[in-house]
């Protein structure tokens, strides 16, 4: 039963780590004076670092990040949608500026019309770029 013992040990260490983190937060917040907070905080920090190293927290986080990372597949579609959202923001900014009197009505109307036209053009580009995956990068070539 070495695997069960190993799992039990890991769970126990993880529980101690959680208790040490909570205790450290409590000491730092509720400590009676700065010297006590510093001393107990550093002592608990050493315990937290030891427990984290023992549990392999950093390596587990690095593994989960490297496994979980997935390169964006539809880059062209994403960039077109981002440009469309920029135009939506510009449209809102122009309308709000006109309503508050920061711009003349004629200037705001021209800006709103131009923004609306750009948005209609982007809708067509969004439709064209939808469904096309970005090519896979060469592993051995280029930067």
C-alpha atoms as a PDB file:
ATOM      1  CA  UNK A   1       0.000   0.000   0.000  1.00  0.00           C
ATOM      2  CA  UNK A   2       2.779   2.529  -0.691  1.00  0.00           C
ATOM      3  CA  UNK A   3       0.570   4.497  -3.096  1.00  0.00           C
ATOM      4  CA  UNK A   4      -2.150   4.967  -0.481  1.00  0.00           C
ATOM      5  CA  UNK A   5       0.423   6.098   2.075  1.00  0.00           C
ATOM      6  CA  UNK A   6       1.853   8.540  -0.457  1.00  0.00           C
ATOM      7  CA  UNK A   7      -1.618   9.957  -1.192  1.00  0.00           C
ATOM      8  CA  UNK A   8      -2.422  10.233   2.513  1.00  0.00           C
ATOM      9  CA  UNK A   9       0.878  12.001   3.115  1.00  0.00           C
ATOM     10  CA  UNK A  10       0.155  14.421   0.262  1.00  0.00           C
ATOM     11  CA  UNK A  11      -3.318  15.160   1.609  1.00  0.00           C
ATOM     12  CA  UNK A  12      -1.931  15.735   5.085  1.00  0.00           C
ATOM     13  CA  UNK A  13       0.755  18.075   3.766  1.00  0.00           C
ATOM     14  CA  UNK A  14      -1.832  19.924   1.679  1.00  0.00           C
ATOM     15  CA  UNK A  15      -4.023  20.338   4.764  1.00  0.00           C
ATOM     16  CA  UNK A  16      -1.057  21.683   6.748  1.00  0.00           C
ATOM     17  CA  UNK A  17      -0.284  24.060   3.892  1.00  0.00           C
ATOM     18  CA  UNK A  18      -3.848  25.377   3.950  1.00  0.00           C
ATOM     19  CA  UNK A  19      -3.762  25.813   7.725  1.00  0.00           C
ATOM     20  CA  UNK A  20      -0.369  27.551   7.522  1.00  0.00           C
ATOM     21  CA  UNK A  21      -1.650  29.959   4.861  1.00  0.00           C
ATOM     22  CA  UNK A  22      -4.711  30.841   6.913  1.00  0.00           C
ATOM     23  CA  UNK A  23      -2.649  31.163  10.097  1.00  0.00           C
ATOM     24  CA  UNK A  24      -0.167  33.425   8.331  1.00  0.00           C
ATOM     25  CA  UNK A  25      -2.967  35.658   7.061  1.00  0.00           C
ATOM     26  CA  UNK A  26      -4.484  35.802  10.562  1.00  0.00           C
ATOM     27  CA  UNK A  27      -1.138  36.634  12.177  1.00  0.00           C
ATOM     28  CA  UNK A  28      -0.412  39.370   9.665  1.00  0.00           C
ATOM     29  CA  UNK A  29      -3.856  40.888  10.091  1.00  0.00           C
ATOM     30  CA  UNK A  30      -4.551  40.393  13.791  1.00  0.00           C
ATOM     31  CA  UNK A  31      -1.018  40.374  15.227  1.00  0.00           C
ATOM     32  CA  UNK A  32      -0.698  42.453  18.409  1.00  0.00           C
ATOM     33  CA  UNK A  33       2.352  44.446  17.340  1.00  0.00           C
ATOM     34  CA  UNK A  34       4.601  44.785  14.284  1.00  0.00           C
ATOM     35  CA  UNK A  35       7.472  42.742  15.744  1.00  0.00           C
ATOM     36  CA  UNK A  36       5.210  39.796  16.541  1.00  0.00           C
ATOM     37  CA  UNK A  37       3.560  39.987  13.117  1.00  0.00           C
ATOM     38  CA  UNK A  38       6.968  40.026  11.430  1.00  0.00           C
ATOM     39  CA  UNK A  39       8.422  37.171  13.485  1.00  0.00           C
ATOM     40  CA  UNK A  40       5.431  34.850  13.273  1.00  0.00           C
ATOM     41  CA  UNK A  41       4.807  35.810   9.659  1.00  0.00           C
ATOM     42  CA  UNK A  42       8.356  34.879   8.653  1.00  0.00           C
ATOM     43  CA  UNK A  43       8.205  31.650  10.645  1.00  0.00           C
ATOM     44  CA  UNK A  44       4.947  30.651   8.985  1.00  0.00           C
ATOM     45  CA  UNK A  45       6.301  31.743   5.595  1.00  0.00           C
ATOM     46  CA  UNK A  46       9.234  29.346   6.028  1.00  0.00           C
ATOM     47  CA  UNK A  47       6.758  26.563   6.867  1.00  0.00           C
ATOM     48  CA  UNK A  48       4.635  27.457   3.822  1.00  0.00           C
ATOM     49  CA  UNK A  49       7.677  27.406   1.538  1.00  0.00           C
ATOM     50  CA  UNK A  50       8.810  24.036   2.915  1.00  0.00           C
ATOM     51  CA  UNK A  51       5.348  22.519   2.526  1.00  0.00           C
ATOM     52  CA  UNK A  52       5.028  23.915  -0.995  1.00  0.00           C
ATOM     53  CA  UNK A  53       8.394  22.479  -1.996  1.00  0.00           C
ATOM     54  CA  UNK A  54       7.502  19.138  -0.433  1.00  0.00           C
ATOM     55  CA  UNK A  55       4.198  19.029  -2.317  1.00  0.00           C
ATOM     56  CA  UNK A  56       5.808  20.138  -5.588  1.00  0.00           C
ATOM     57  CA  UNK A  57       3.375  23.032  -5.969  1.00  0.00           C
ATOM     58  CA  UNK A  58       5.525  24.980  -8.431  1.00  0.00           C
ATOM     59  CA  UNK A  59       6.166  21.994 -10.687  1.00  0.00           C
ATOM     60  CA  UNK A  60       2.476  21.048 -10.621  1.00  0.00           C
ATOM     61  CA  UNK A  61       1.459  24.575 -11.583  1.00  0.00           C
ATOM     62  CA  UNK A  62       4.036  24.629 -14.383  1.00  0.00           C
ATOM     63  CA  UNK A  63       2.789  21.264 -15.665  1.00  0.00           C
ATOM     64  CA  UNK A  64      -0.834  22.318 -15.613  1.00  0.00           C
ATOM     65  CA  UNK A  65      -0.031  25.552 -17.418  1.00  0.00           C
ATOM     66  CA  UNK A  66       2.012  23.827 -20.115  1.00  0.00           C
ATOM     67  CA  UNK A  67      -0.637  21.140 -20.652  1.00  0.00           C
ATOM     68  CA  UNK A  68      -3.525  23.565 -20.550  1.00  0.00           C
ATOM     69  CA  UNK A  69      -2.037  26.061 -22.977  1.00  0.00           C
ATOM     70  CA  UNK A  70      -3.713  25.913 -26.333  1.00  0.00           C
ATOM     71  CA  UNK A  71      -2.709  28.217 -29.113  1.00  0.00           C
ATOM     72  CA  UNK A  72      -5.579  30.246 -30.524  1.00  0.00           C
ATOM     73  CA  UNK A  73      -6.760  28.485 -33.659  1.00  0.00           C
ATOM     74  CA  UNK A  74      -8.839  31.122 -35.460  1.00  0.00           C
ATOM     75  CA  UNK A  75      -6.513  34.140 -35.296  1.00  0.00           C
ATOM     76  CA  UNK A  76      -7.909  35.907 -38.365  1.00  0.00           C
ATOM     77  CA  UNK A  77     -11.463  35.718 -37.057  1.00  0.00           C
ATOM     78  CA  UNK A  78     -10.379  36.924 -33.621  1.00  0.00           C
ATOM     79  CA  UNK A  79      -8.556  39.962 -35.006  1.00  0.00           C
ATOM     80  CA  UNK A  80     -11.531  40.902 -37.194  1.00  0.00           C
ATOM     81  CA  UNK A  81     -13.913  40.612 -34.238  1.00  0.00           C
ATOM     82  CA  UNK A  82     -11.527  42.701 -32.114  1.00  0.00           C
ATOM     83  CA  UNK A  83     -11.558  45.423 -34.791  1.00  0.00           C
ATOM     84  CA  UNK A  84     -15.365  45.257 -34.868  1.00  0.00           C
ATOM     85  CA  UNK A  85     -15.490  45.715 -31.095  1.00  0.00           C
ATOM     86  CA  UNK A  86     -13.172  48.719 -31.425  1.00  0.00           C
ATOM     87  CA  UNK A  87     -15.667  50.214 -33.866  1.00  0.00           C
ATOM     88  CA  UNK A  88     -18.528  49.543 -31.424  1.00  0.00           C
ATOM     89  CA  UNK A  89     -16.593  51.430 -28.763  1.00  0.00           C
ATOM     90  CA  UNK A  90     -15.900  54.262 -31.208  1.00  0.00           C
ATOM     91  CA  UNK A  91     -19.607  54.421 -32.101  1.00  0.00           C
ATOM     92  CA  UNK A  92     -20.557  54.639 -28.434  1.00  0.00           C
ATOM     93  CA  UNK A  93     -17.902  57.285 -27.762  1.00  0.00           C
ATOM     94  CA  UNK A  94     -19.100  59.418 -30.693  1.00  0.00           C
ATOM     95  CA  UNK A  95     -22.756  59.143 -29.668  1.00  0.00           C
ATOM     96  CA  UNK A  96     -21.997  59.944 -26.024  1.00  0.00           C
ATOM     97  CA  UNK A  97     -19.826  62.896 -27.037  1.00  0.00           C
ATOM     98  CA  UNK A  98     -22.604  64.312 -29.207  1.00  0.00           C
ATOM     99  CA  UNK A  99     -25.203  63.847 -26.485  1.00  0.00           C
ATOM    100  CA  UNK A 100     -23.075  65.631 -23.894  1.00  0.00           C
ATOM    101  CA  UNK A 101     -22.328  68.503 -26.241  1.00  0.00           C
ATOM    102  CA  UNK A 102     -18.618  67.826 -26.735  1.00  0.00           C
ATOM    103  CA  UNK A 103     -19.067  67.677 -30.516  1.00  0.00           C
ATOM    104  CA  UNK A 104     -21.335  69.394 -32.992  1.00  0.00           C
ATOM    105  CA  UNK A 105     -24.306  67.421 -34.293  1.00  0.00           C
ATOM    106  CA  UNK A 106     -23.018  67.483 -37.882  1.00  0.00           C
ATOM    107  CA  UNK A 107     -19.553  66.270 -36.925  1.00  0.00           C
ATOM    108  CA  UNK A 108     -20.998  63.539 -34.692  1.00  0.00           C
ATOM    109  CA  UNK A 109     -23.452  62.422 -37.409  1.00  0.00           C
ATOM    110  CA  UNK A 110     -20.605  62.142 -39.965  1.00  0.00           C
ATOM    111  CA  UNK A 111     -18.504  60.186 -37.482  1.00  0.00           C
ATOM    112  CA  UNK A 112     -21.420  57.883 -36.598  1.00  0.00           C
ATOM    113  CA  UNK A 113     -22.158  57.242 -40.282  1.00  0.00           C
ATOM    114  CA  UNK A 114     -18.501  56.501 -41.064  1.00  0.00           C
ATOM    115  CA  UNK A 115     -18.245  54.157 -38.074  1.00  0.00           C
ATOM    116  CA  UNK A 116     -21.434  52.374 -39.065  1.00  0.00           C
ATOM    117  CA  UNK A 117     -20.100  51.887 -42.624  1.00  0.00           C
ATOM    118  CA  UNK A 118     -16.833  50.438 -41.268  1.00  0.00           C
ATOM    119  CA  UNK A 119     -18.851  48.099 -39.048  1.00  0.00           C
ATOM    120  CA  UNK A 120     -20.860  46.854 -42.043  1.00  0.00           C
ATOM    121  CA  UNK A 121     -17.602  46.190 -43.926  1.00  0.00           C
ATOM    122  CA  UNK A 122     -16.220  44.296 -40.950  1.00  0.00           C
ATOM    123  CA  UNK A 123     -19.340  42.123 -40.765  1.00  0.00           C
ATOM    124  CA  UNK A 124     -18.511  40.872 -44.270  1.00  0.00           C
ATOM    125  CA  UNK A 125     -14.902  40.257 -43.248  1.00  0.00           C
ATOM    126  CA  UNK A 126     -16.035  38.366 -40.155  1.00  0.00           C
ATOM    127  CA  UNK A 127     -18.125  36.094 -42.346  1.00  0.00           C
ATOM    128  CA  UNK A 128     -15.190  35.557 -44.730  1.00  0.00           C
ATOM    129  CA  UNK A 129     -12.715  34.730 -41.964  1.00  0.00           C
ATOM    130  CA  UNK A 130     -15.009  32.432 -39.962  1.00  0.00           C
ATOM    131  CA  UNK A 131     -14.039  28.777 -39.956  1.00  0.00           C
ATOM    132  CA  UNK A 132     -10.511  29.170 -41.295  1.00  0.00           C
ATOM    133  CA  UNK A 133      -7.893  27.873 -38.898  1.00  0.00           C
ATOM    134  CA  UNK A 134      -4.483  29.501 -38.702  1.00  0.00           C
ATOM    135  CA  UNK A 135      -1.669  27.400 -40.163  1.00  0.00           C
ATOM    136  CA  UNK A 136       0.447  25.461 -37.658  1.00  0.00           C
ATOM    137  CA  UNK A 137       3.861  27.062 -37.058  1.00  0.00           C
ATOM    138  CA  UNK A 138       6.991  25.144 -38.047  1.00  0.00           C
ATOM    139  CA  UNK A 139       8.593  23.716 -34.933  1.00  0.00           C
ATOM    140  CA  UNK A 140      12.161  23.786 -36.231  1.00  0.00           C
ATOM    141  CA  UNK A 141      12.126  26.850 -38.457  1.00  0.00           C
ATOM    142  CA  UNK A 142      11.825  30.533 -37.754  1.00  0.00           C
ATOM    143  CA  UNK A 143      11.425  32.490 -34.542  1.00  0.00           C
END
